[in-house]
Amino acid sequence: MSRYFDLHTTVLIVVGHGILPEEEDRPIAYDLKREVNRRGGTSEGHTAVVVTDVWLLNNELGEFFPAIAIGGPGVNALTAQMYEELDIAYSRDQRVFVQVGTDSKRAALWGMDQTTTREAVDVFVKDGLLERFLELVWRRA
């Protein structure tokens, strides 16, 4: 089976590089990947791939992919690059943040630790924000 990654419909789930984000954020990213893939069904290119922030920022094509950053600006360079520009869709006690571009293909899900980062991802999925993000991304294609 050959793998096909469409620049416009394959969602990159981006974790920071390094021991802490690899250990704590990557498992959360794979849970989100499974949810995106479930919603994509059998549609070609409607899938997710987990990558590091270093891969995304050093790859010329990285900016064209829709992307969801997992982890805060201290551990994820993609989040650090875009968190001031993204709207806050949800926050709790200055510890949990869900940020989504109003008309973009970018989101950042993060918290002050692993538990609150997982909470941000859970809110993104359960409150319909993932669904809206995917509709925007997949409709544009």
N, C-alpha and C. Protein backbone atom coordinates (compact mmCIF):
# COMPACT_ATOMS: atom_id res chain seq x y z
N MET A 1 0.85 -1.17 0.00
CA MET A 1 0.00 0.00 0.00
C MET A 1 0.90 1.24 0.00
N SER A 2 0.70 2.10 -0.96
CA SER A 2 1.48 3.33 -0.99
C SER A 2 0.78 4.38 -0.14
N ARG A 3 1.56 5.24 0.47
CA ARG A 3 1.02 6.31 1.30
C ARG A 3 0.98 7.59 0.48
N TYR A 4 -0.10 8.30 0.60
CA TYR A 4 -0.31 9.53 -0.13
C TYR A 4 -0.64 10.62 0.88
N PHE A 5 0.11 11.70 0.87
CA PHE A 5 -0.13 12.81 1.77
C PHE A 5 -0.44 14.04 0.94
N ASP A 6 -1.69 14.46 0.98
CA ASP A 6 -2.13 15.62 0.23
C ASP A 6 -1.80 16.89 1.01
N LEU A 7 -1.19 17.85 0.35
CA LEU A 7 -0.78 19.10 1.01
C LEU A 7 -1.95 19.88 1.60
N HIS A 8 -3.12 19.68 1.08
CA HIS A 8 -4.26 20.48 1.50
C HIS A 8 -5.20 19.74 2.44
N THR A 9 -5.15 18.42 2.47
CA THR A 9 -6.12 17.68 3.27
C THR A 9 -5.50 16.78 4.34
N THR A 10 -4.24 16.47 4.26
CA THR A 10 -3.59 15.68 5.30
C THR A 10 -3.26 16.62 6.46
N VAL A 11 -3.80 16.33 7.61
CA VAL A 11 -3.60 17.17 8.79
C VAL A 11 -2.34 16.71 9.51
N LEU A 12 -1.41 17.64 9.70
CA LEU A 12 -0.22 17.35 10.49
C LEU A 12 -0.53 17.65 11.95
N ILE A 13 -0.24 16.71 12.79
CA ILE A 13 -0.34 16.92 14.23
C ILE A 13 1.09 17.05 14.71
N VAL A 14 1.42 18.23 15.21
CA VAL A 14 2.81 18.62 15.43
C VAL A 14 3.13 18.66 16.92
N VAL A 15 4.13 17.87 17.30
CA VAL A 15 4.63 17.88 18.67
C VAL A 15 6.02 18.51 18.67
N GLY A 16 6.41 19.00 19.83
CA GLY A 16 7.75 19.55 19.96
C GLY A 16 8.79 18.44 19.93
N HIS A 17 10.01 18.83 19.63
CA HIS A 17 11.10 17.85 19.67
C HIS A 17 11.76 17.93 21.04
N GLY A 18 12.32 16.86 21.47
CA GLY A 18 12.94 16.82 22.79
C GLY A 18 12.28 15.77 23.66
N ILE A 19 12.93 15.47 24.76
CA ILE A 19 12.49 14.38 25.61
C ILE A 19 11.10 14.62 26.19
N LEU A 20 10.86 15.80 26.76
CA LEU A 20 9.58 16.06 27.41
C LEU A 20 8.40 16.02 26.45
N PRO A 21 8.41 16.77 25.34
CA PRO A 21 7.26 16.68 24.44
C PRO A 21 7.12 15.31 23.77
N GLU A 22 8.22 14.66 23.50
CA GLU A 22 8.13 13.32 22.91
C GLU A 22 7.46 12.36 23.90
N GLU A 23 7.83 12.46 25.16
CA GLU A 23 7.29 11.57 26.19
C GLU A 23 5.85 11.90 26.55
N GLU A 24 5.55 13.19 26.68
CA GLU A 24 4.23 13.58 27.18
C GLU A 24 3.22 13.94 26.09
N ASP A 25 3.66 14.62 25.04
CA ASP A 25 2.71 15.11 24.04
C ASP A 25 2.47 14.14 22.89
N ARG A 26 3.47 13.34 22.55
CA ARG A 26 3.30 12.42 21.42
C ARG A 26 2.16 11.42 21.64
N PRO A 27 2.01 10.82 22.82
CA PRO A 27 0.86 9.92 23.00
C PRO A 27 -0.48 10.63 22.82
N ILE A 28 -0.57 11.86 23.27
CA ILE A 28 -1.79 12.65 23.09
C ILE A 28 -2.01 12.91 21.60
N ALA A 29 -0.94 13.20 20.89
CA ALA A 29 -1.03 13.46 19.45
C ALA A 29 -1.53 12.23 18.70
N TYR A 30 -1.08 11.04 19.10
CA TYR A 30 -1.55 9.83 18.43
C TYR A 30 -3.03 9.55 18.71
N ASP A 31 -3.51 9.92 19.90
CA ASP A 31 -4.95 9.80 20.16
C ASP A 31 -5.73 10.72 19.23
N LEU A 32 -5.25 11.94 19.05
CA LEU A 32 -5.92 12.88 18.15
C LEU A 32 -5.83 12.40 16.70
N LYS A 33 -4.70 11.83 16.33
CA LYS A 33 -4.54 11.29 14.98
C LYS A 33 -5.60 10.22 14.71
N ARG A 34 -5.81 9.32 15.67
CA ARG A 34 -6.83 8.27 15.48
C ARG A 34 -8.21 8.89 15.30
N GLU A 35 -8.51 9.97 16.04
CA GLU A 35 -9.81 10.61 15.91
C GLU A 35 -9.97 11.27 14.53
N VAL A 36 -8.94 11.94 14.06
CA VAL A 36 -9.00 12.56 12.72
C VAL A 36 -9.17 11.47 11.66
N ASN A 37 -8.41 10.40 11.76
CA ASN A 37 -8.50 9.32 10.78
C ASN A 37 -9.87 8.66 10.80
N ARG A 38 -10.46 8.53 11.98
CA ARG A 38 -11.80 7.95 12.08
C ARG A 38 -12.80 8.84 11.34
N ARG A 39 -12.68 10.14 11.52
CA ARG A 39 -13.60 11.07 10.87
C ARG A 39 -13.36 11.17 9.37
N GLY A 40 -12.13 10.93 8.95
CA GLY A 40 -11.80 10.97 7.53
C GLY A 40 -12.33 9.77 6.77
N GLY A 41 -12.57 8.69 7.50
CA GLY A 41 -13.11 7.48 6.88
C GLY A 41 -12.22 6.97 5.77
N THR A 42 -12.82 6.72 4.65
CA THR A 42 -12.09 6.16 3.51
C THR A 42 -11.74 7.21 2.47
N SER A 43 -12.00 8.46 2.76
CA SER A 43 -11.68 9.52 1.81
C SER A 43 -10.17 9.64 1.65
N GLU A 44 -9.71 9.59 0.43
CA GLU A 44 -8.28 9.67 0.17
C GLU A 44 -7.73 11.03 0.59
N GLY A 45 -6.65 11.00 1.35
CA GLY A 45 -6.01 12.22 1.80
C GLY A 45 -6.62 12.83 3.05
N HIS A 46 -7.76 12.33 3.48
CA HIS A 46 -8.39 12.83 4.71
C HIS A 46 -7.86 12.01 5.88
N THR A 47 -6.65 12.35 6.27
CA THR A 47 -5.94 11.59 7.28
C THR A 47 -5.06 12.53 8.10
N ALA A 48 -4.41 11.98 9.11
CA ALA A 48 -3.49 12.77 9.93
C ALA A 48 -2.16 12.04 10.05
N VAL A 49 -1.11 12.83 10.26
CA VAL A 49 0.24 12.31 10.44
C VAL A 49 0.87 13.09 11.60
N VAL A 50 1.53 12.40 12.50
CA VAL A 50 2.22 13.06 13.61
C VAL A 50 3.66 13.33 13.20
N VAL A 51 4.09 14.59 13.37
CA VAL A 51 5.46 15.00 13.05
C VAL A 51 5.96 15.91 14.16
N THR A 52 7.26 16.21 14.14
CA THR A 52 7.81 17.15 15.11
C THR A 52 7.81 18.56 14.53
N ASP A 53 7.92 19.52 15.43
CA ASP A 53 7.99 20.92 15.01
C ASP A 53 9.22 21.18 14.14
N VAL A 54 10.31 20.49 14.42
CA VAL A 54 11.53 20.66 13.62
C VAL A 54 11.28 20.23 12.19
N TRP A 55 10.60 19.09 11.99
CA TRP A 55 10.31 18.64 10.63
C TRP A 55 9.46 19.68 9.91
N LEU A 56 8.40 20.14 10.57
CA LEU A 56 7.49 21.08 9.92
C LEU A 56 8.19 22.38 9.55
N LEU A 57 8.93 22.94 10.48
CA LEU A 57 9.54 24.25 10.24
C LEU A 57 10.73 24.18 9.29
N ASN A 58 11.33 23.01 9.13
CA ASN A 58 12.47 22.88 8.23
C ASN A 58 12.10 22.29 6.87
N ASN A 59 10.83 22.01 6.67
CA ASN A 59 10.39 21.43 5.41
C ASN A 59 9.68 22.52 4.60
N GLU A 60 10.13 22.75 3.40
CA GLU A 60 9.55 23.80 2.56
C GLU A 60 8.05 23.64 2.33
N LEU A 61 7.58 22.42 2.30
CA LEU A 61 6.17 22.18 2.06
C LEU A 61 5.33 22.25 3.33
N GLY A 62 5.97 22.32 4.49
CA GLY A 62 5.27 22.29 5.76
C GLY A 62 4.20 23.33 5.92
N GLU A 63 4.43 24.52 5.40
CA GLU A 63 3.46 25.61 5.57
C GLU A 63 2.16 25.38 4.81
N PHE A 64 2.15 24.46 3.85
CA PHE A 64 0.94 24.22 3.06
C PHE A 64 -0.01 23.23 3.73
N PHE A 65 0.50 22.38 4.61
CA PHE A 65 -0.33 21.40 5.29
C PHE A 65 -1.18 22.06 6.38
N PRO A 66 -2.41 21.61 6.55
CA PRO A 66 -3.15 22.00 7.75
C PRO A 66 -2.41 21.41 8.95
N ALA A 67 -2.37 22.13 10.08
CA ALA A 67 -1.59 21.64 11.21
C ALA A 67 -2.24 21.98 12.53
N ILE A 68 -2.13 21.03 13.45
CA ILE A 68 -2.59 21.20 14.82
C ILE A 68 -1.37 20.98 15.71
N ALA A 69 -0.96 22.01 16.43
CA ALA A 69 0.19 21.92 17.34
C ALA A 69 -0.30 21.43 18.70
N ILE A 70 0.44 20.47 19.25
CA ILE A 70 0.15 19.95 20.58
C ILE A 70 1.32 20.37 21.48
N GLY A 71 1.00 21.07 22.55
CA GLY A 71 2.04 21.54 23.47
C GLY A 71 2.21 23.04 23.36
N GLY A 72 2.61 23.64 24.46
CA GLY A 72 2.71 25.08 24.55
C GLY A 72 3.92 25.67 23.87
N PRO A 73 3.99 26.99 23.85
CA PRO A 73 5.08 27.67 23.15
C PRO A 73 6.46 27.40 23.73
N GLY A 74 6.54 26.92 24.95
CA GLY A 74 7.83 26.59 25.54
C GLY A 74 8.40 25.27 25.06
N VAL A 75 7.54 24.39 24.52
CA VAL A 75 8.00 23.07 24.07
C VAL A 75 7.72 22.78 22.61
N ASN A 76 6.94 23.64 21.95
CA ASN A 76 6.59 23.40 20.56
C ASN A 76 6.83 24.68 19.76
N ALA A 77 7.78 24.64 18.85
CA ALA A 77 8.15 25.83 18.07
C ALA A 77 7.02 26.31 17.17
N LEU A 78 6.17 25.40 16.69
CA LEU A 78 5.03 25.83 15.88
C LEU A 78 4.06 26.64 16.73
N THR A 79 3.76 26.16 17.92
CA THR A 79 2.89 26.92 18.82
C THR A 79 3.50 28.28 19.11
N ALA A 80 4.79 28.31 19.39
CA ALA A 80 5.48 29.57 19.68
C ALA A 80 5.38 30.54 18.50
N GLN A 81 5.41 30.01 17.30
CA GLN A 81 5.37 30.84 16.10
C GLN A 81 3.99 31.45 15.87
N MET A 82 2.92 30.77 16.30
CA MET A 82 1.59 31.23 15.90
C MET A 82 0.63 31.55 17.03
N TYR A 83 0.97 31.26 18.29
CA TYR A 83 -0.04 31.39 19.34
C TYR A 83 -0.54 32.82 19.54
N GLU A 84 0.26 33.82 19.27
CA GLU A 84 -0.20 35.19 19.44
C GLU A 84 -1.18 35.62 18.34
N GLU A 85 -1.19 34.89 17.23
CA GLU A 85 -2.05 35.23 16.10
C GLU A 85 -3.37 34.46 16.10
N LEU A 86 -3.42 33.35 16.81
CA LEU A 86 -4.62 32.51 16.81
C LEU A 86 -5.62 33.00 17.85
N ASP A 87 -6.90 32.90 17.51
CA ASP A 87 -7.95 33.23 18.47
C ASP A 87 -8.03 32.15 19.55
N ILE A 88 -8.38 32.58 20.74
CA ILE A 88 -8.58 31.63 21.83
C ILE A 88 -10.03 31.17 21.78
N ALA A 89 -10.22 29.89 21.48
CA ALA A 89 -11.56 29.32 21.41
C ALA A 89 -12.02 28.83 22.78
N TYR A 90 -11.05 28.49 23.63
CA TYR A 90 -11.35 28.01 24.97
C TYR A 90 -10.13 28.22 25.84
N SER A 91 -10.35 28.65 27.07
CA SER A 91 -9.28 28.67 28.05
C SER A 91 -9.89 28.45 29.43
N ARG A 92 -9.09 27.90 30.32
CA ARG A 92 -9.53 27.68 31.69
C ARG A 92 -8.40 28.01 32.64
N ASP A 93 -8.65 28.97 33.50
CA ASP A 93 -7.73 29.31 34.60
C ASP A 93 -6.31 29.60 34.14
N GLN A 94 -6.15 30.12 32.94
CA GLN A 94 -4.81 30.40 32.40
C GLN A 94 -3.91 29.16 32.43
N ARG A 95 -4.55 27.97 32.33
CA ARG A 95 -3.79 26.71 32.36
C ARG A 95 -4.10 25.82 31.15
N VAL A 96 -5.25 26.04 30.52
CA VAL A 96 -5.67 25.23 29.39
C VAL A 96 -6.04 26.18 28.25
N PHE A 97 -5.50 25.89 27.06
CA PHE A 97 -5.74 26.77 25.92
C PHE A 97 -6.06 25.97 24.66
N VAL A 98 -7.12 26.37 23.99
CA VAL A 98 -7.46 25.84 22.67
C VAL A 98 -7.53 27.06 21.77
N GLN A 99 -6.66 27.09 20.78
CA GLN A 99 -6.60 28.22 19.86
C GLN A 99 -6.80 27.72 18.44
N VAL A 100 -7.66 28.44 17.72
CA VAL A 100 -7.97 28.05 16.35
C VAL A 100 -8.03 29.30 15.50
N GLY A 101 -7.40 29.25 14.34
CA GLY A 101 -7.51 30.35 13.39
C GLY A 101 -8.93 30.44 12.88
N THR A 102 -9.48 31.65 12.81
CA THR A 102 -10.87 31.79 12.37
C THR A 102 -11.05 31.39 10.91
N ASP A 103 -10.06 31.63 10.10
CA ASP A 103 -10.15 31.27 8.68
C ASP A 103 -8.83 30.67 8.22
N SER A 104 -8.24 29.87 9.10
CA SER A 104 -6.95 29.29 8.73
C SER A 104 -6.98 27.79 8.98
N LYS A 105 -5.93 27.19 8.59
CA LYS A 105 -5.80 25.75 8.76
C LYS A 105 -4.80 25.42 9.86
N ARG A 106 -4.84 26.22 10.93
CA ARG A 106 -3.92 26.06 12.05
C ARG A 106 -4.69 26.08 13.38
N ALA A 107 -4.19 25.28 14.32
CA ALA A 107 -4.73 25.26 15.67
C ALA A 107 -3.60 24.93 16.62
N ALA A 108 -3.74 25.36 17.86
CA ALA A 108 -2.77 25.04 18.92
C ALA A 108 -3.54 24.60 20.15
N LEU A 109 -3.18 23.44 20.66
CA LEU A 109 -3.85 22.85 21.82
C LEU A 109 -2.79 22.63 22.88
N TRP A 110 -2.94 23.31 24.01
CA TRP A 110 -1.88 23.20 24.99
C TRP A 110 -2.34 23.55 26.39
N GLY A 111 -1.52 23.11 27.33
CA GLY A 111 -1.76 23.41 28.73
C GLY A 111 -0.42 23.56 29.43
N MET A 112 -0.48 23.76 30.71
CA MET A 112 0.73 24.00 31.49
C MET A 112 1.46 22.72 31.88
N ASP A 113 0.81 21.58 31.63
CA ASP A 113 1.43 20.28 31.89
C ASP A 113 0.70 19.23 31.04
N GLN A 114 1.10 17.98 31.21
CA GLN A 114 0.51 16.93 30.37
C GLN A 114 -1.00 16.81 30.60
N THR A 115 -1.44 16.90 31.84
CA THR A 115 -2.86 16.77 32.15
C THR A 115 -3.68 17.87 31.50
N THR A 116 -3.21 19.10 31.57
CA THR A 116 -3.98 20.20 30.98
C THR A 116 -3.86 20.24 29.47
N THR A 117 -2.76 19.75 28.93
CA THR A 117 -2.67 19.62 27.46
C THR A 117 -3.67 18.58 26.98
N ARG A 118 -3.78 17.47 27.69
CA ARG A 118 -4.78 16.46 27.32
C ARG A 118 -6.18 17.06 27.43
N GLU A 119 -6.43 17.87 28.44
CA GLU A 119 -7.73 18.52 28.59
C GLU A 119 -8.02 19.42 27.37
N ALA A 120 -7.02 20.16 26.91
CA ALA A 120 -7.20 21.02 25.74
C ALA A 120 -7.60 20.20 24.52
N VAL A 121 -6.95 19.06 24.32
CA VAL A 121 -7.28 18.19 23.18
C VAL A 121 -8.69 17.63 23.35
N ASP A 122 -9.04 17.21 24.56
CA ASP A 122 -10.38 16.68 24.80
C ASP A 122 -11.46 17.72 24.51
N VAL A 123 -11.24 18.95 24.94
CA VAL A 123 -12.19 20.03 24.66
C VAL A 123 -12.31 20.25 23.15
N PHE A 124 -11.18 20.27 22.46
CA PHE A 124 -11.14 20.47 21.01
C PHE A 124 -12.00 19.42 20.31
N VAL A 125 -11.90 18.18 20.75
CA VAL A 125 -12.64 17.08 20.12
C VAL A 125 -14.11 17.10 20.55
N LYS A 126 -14.36 17.18 21.83
CA LYS A 126 -15.72 17.01 22.35
C LYS A 126 -16.62 18.22 22.16
N ASP A 127 -16.04 19.41 22.06
CA ASP A 127 -16.86 20.61 21.90
C ASP A 127 -17.09 20.99 20.44
N GLY A 128 -16.74 20.12 19.52
CA GLY A 128 -17.03 20.35 18.10
C GLY A 128 -16.00 21.18 17.37
N LEU A 129 -14.92 21.58 18.03
CA LEU A 129 -13.92 22.40 17.36
C LEU A 129 -13.12 21.60 16.34
N LEU A 130 -12.84 20.35 16.63
CA LEU A 130 -12.17 19.49 15.64
C LEU A 130 -13.04 19.35 14.41
N GLU A 131 -14.32 19.13 14.63
CA GLU A 131 -15.25 18.97 13.50
C GLU A 131 -15.24 20.22 12.62
N ARG A 132 -15.30 21.39 13.23
CA ARG A 132 -15.26 22.63 12.45
C ARG A 132 -13.94 22.81 11.72
N PHE A 133 -12.84 22.47 12.40
CA PHE A 133 -11.52 22.56 11.78
C PHE A 133 -11.45 21.65 10.55
N LEU A 134 -11.90 20.41 10.70
CA LEU A 134 -11.84 19.47 9.58
C LEU A 134 -12.78 19.88 8.45
N GLU A 135 -13.94 20.41 8.78
CA GLU A 135 -14.85 20.90 7.73
C GLU A 135 -14.19 22.00 6.94
N LEU A 136 -13.52 22.91 7.62
CA LEU A 136 -12.82 24.00 6.94
C LEU A 136 -11.71 23.46 6.04
N VAL A 137 -10.92 22.58 6.57
CA VAL A 137 -9.78 22.02 5.83
C VAL A 137 -10.26 21.16 4.66
N TRP A 138 -11.15 20.25 4.92
CA TRP A 138 -11.57 19.31 3.89
C TRP A 138 -12.52 19.93 2.88
N ARG A 139 -13.29 20.92 3.28
CA ARG A 139 -14.18 21.62 2.34
C ARG A 139 -13.35 22.42 1.33
N ARG A 140 -12.28 23.05 1.82
CA ARG A 140 -11.43 23.86 0.94
C ARG A 140 -10.78 23.02 -0.15
N ALA A 141 -10.52 21.78 0.17
CA ALA A 141 -9.85 20.92 -0.79
C ALA A 141 -10.77 20.67 -1.96
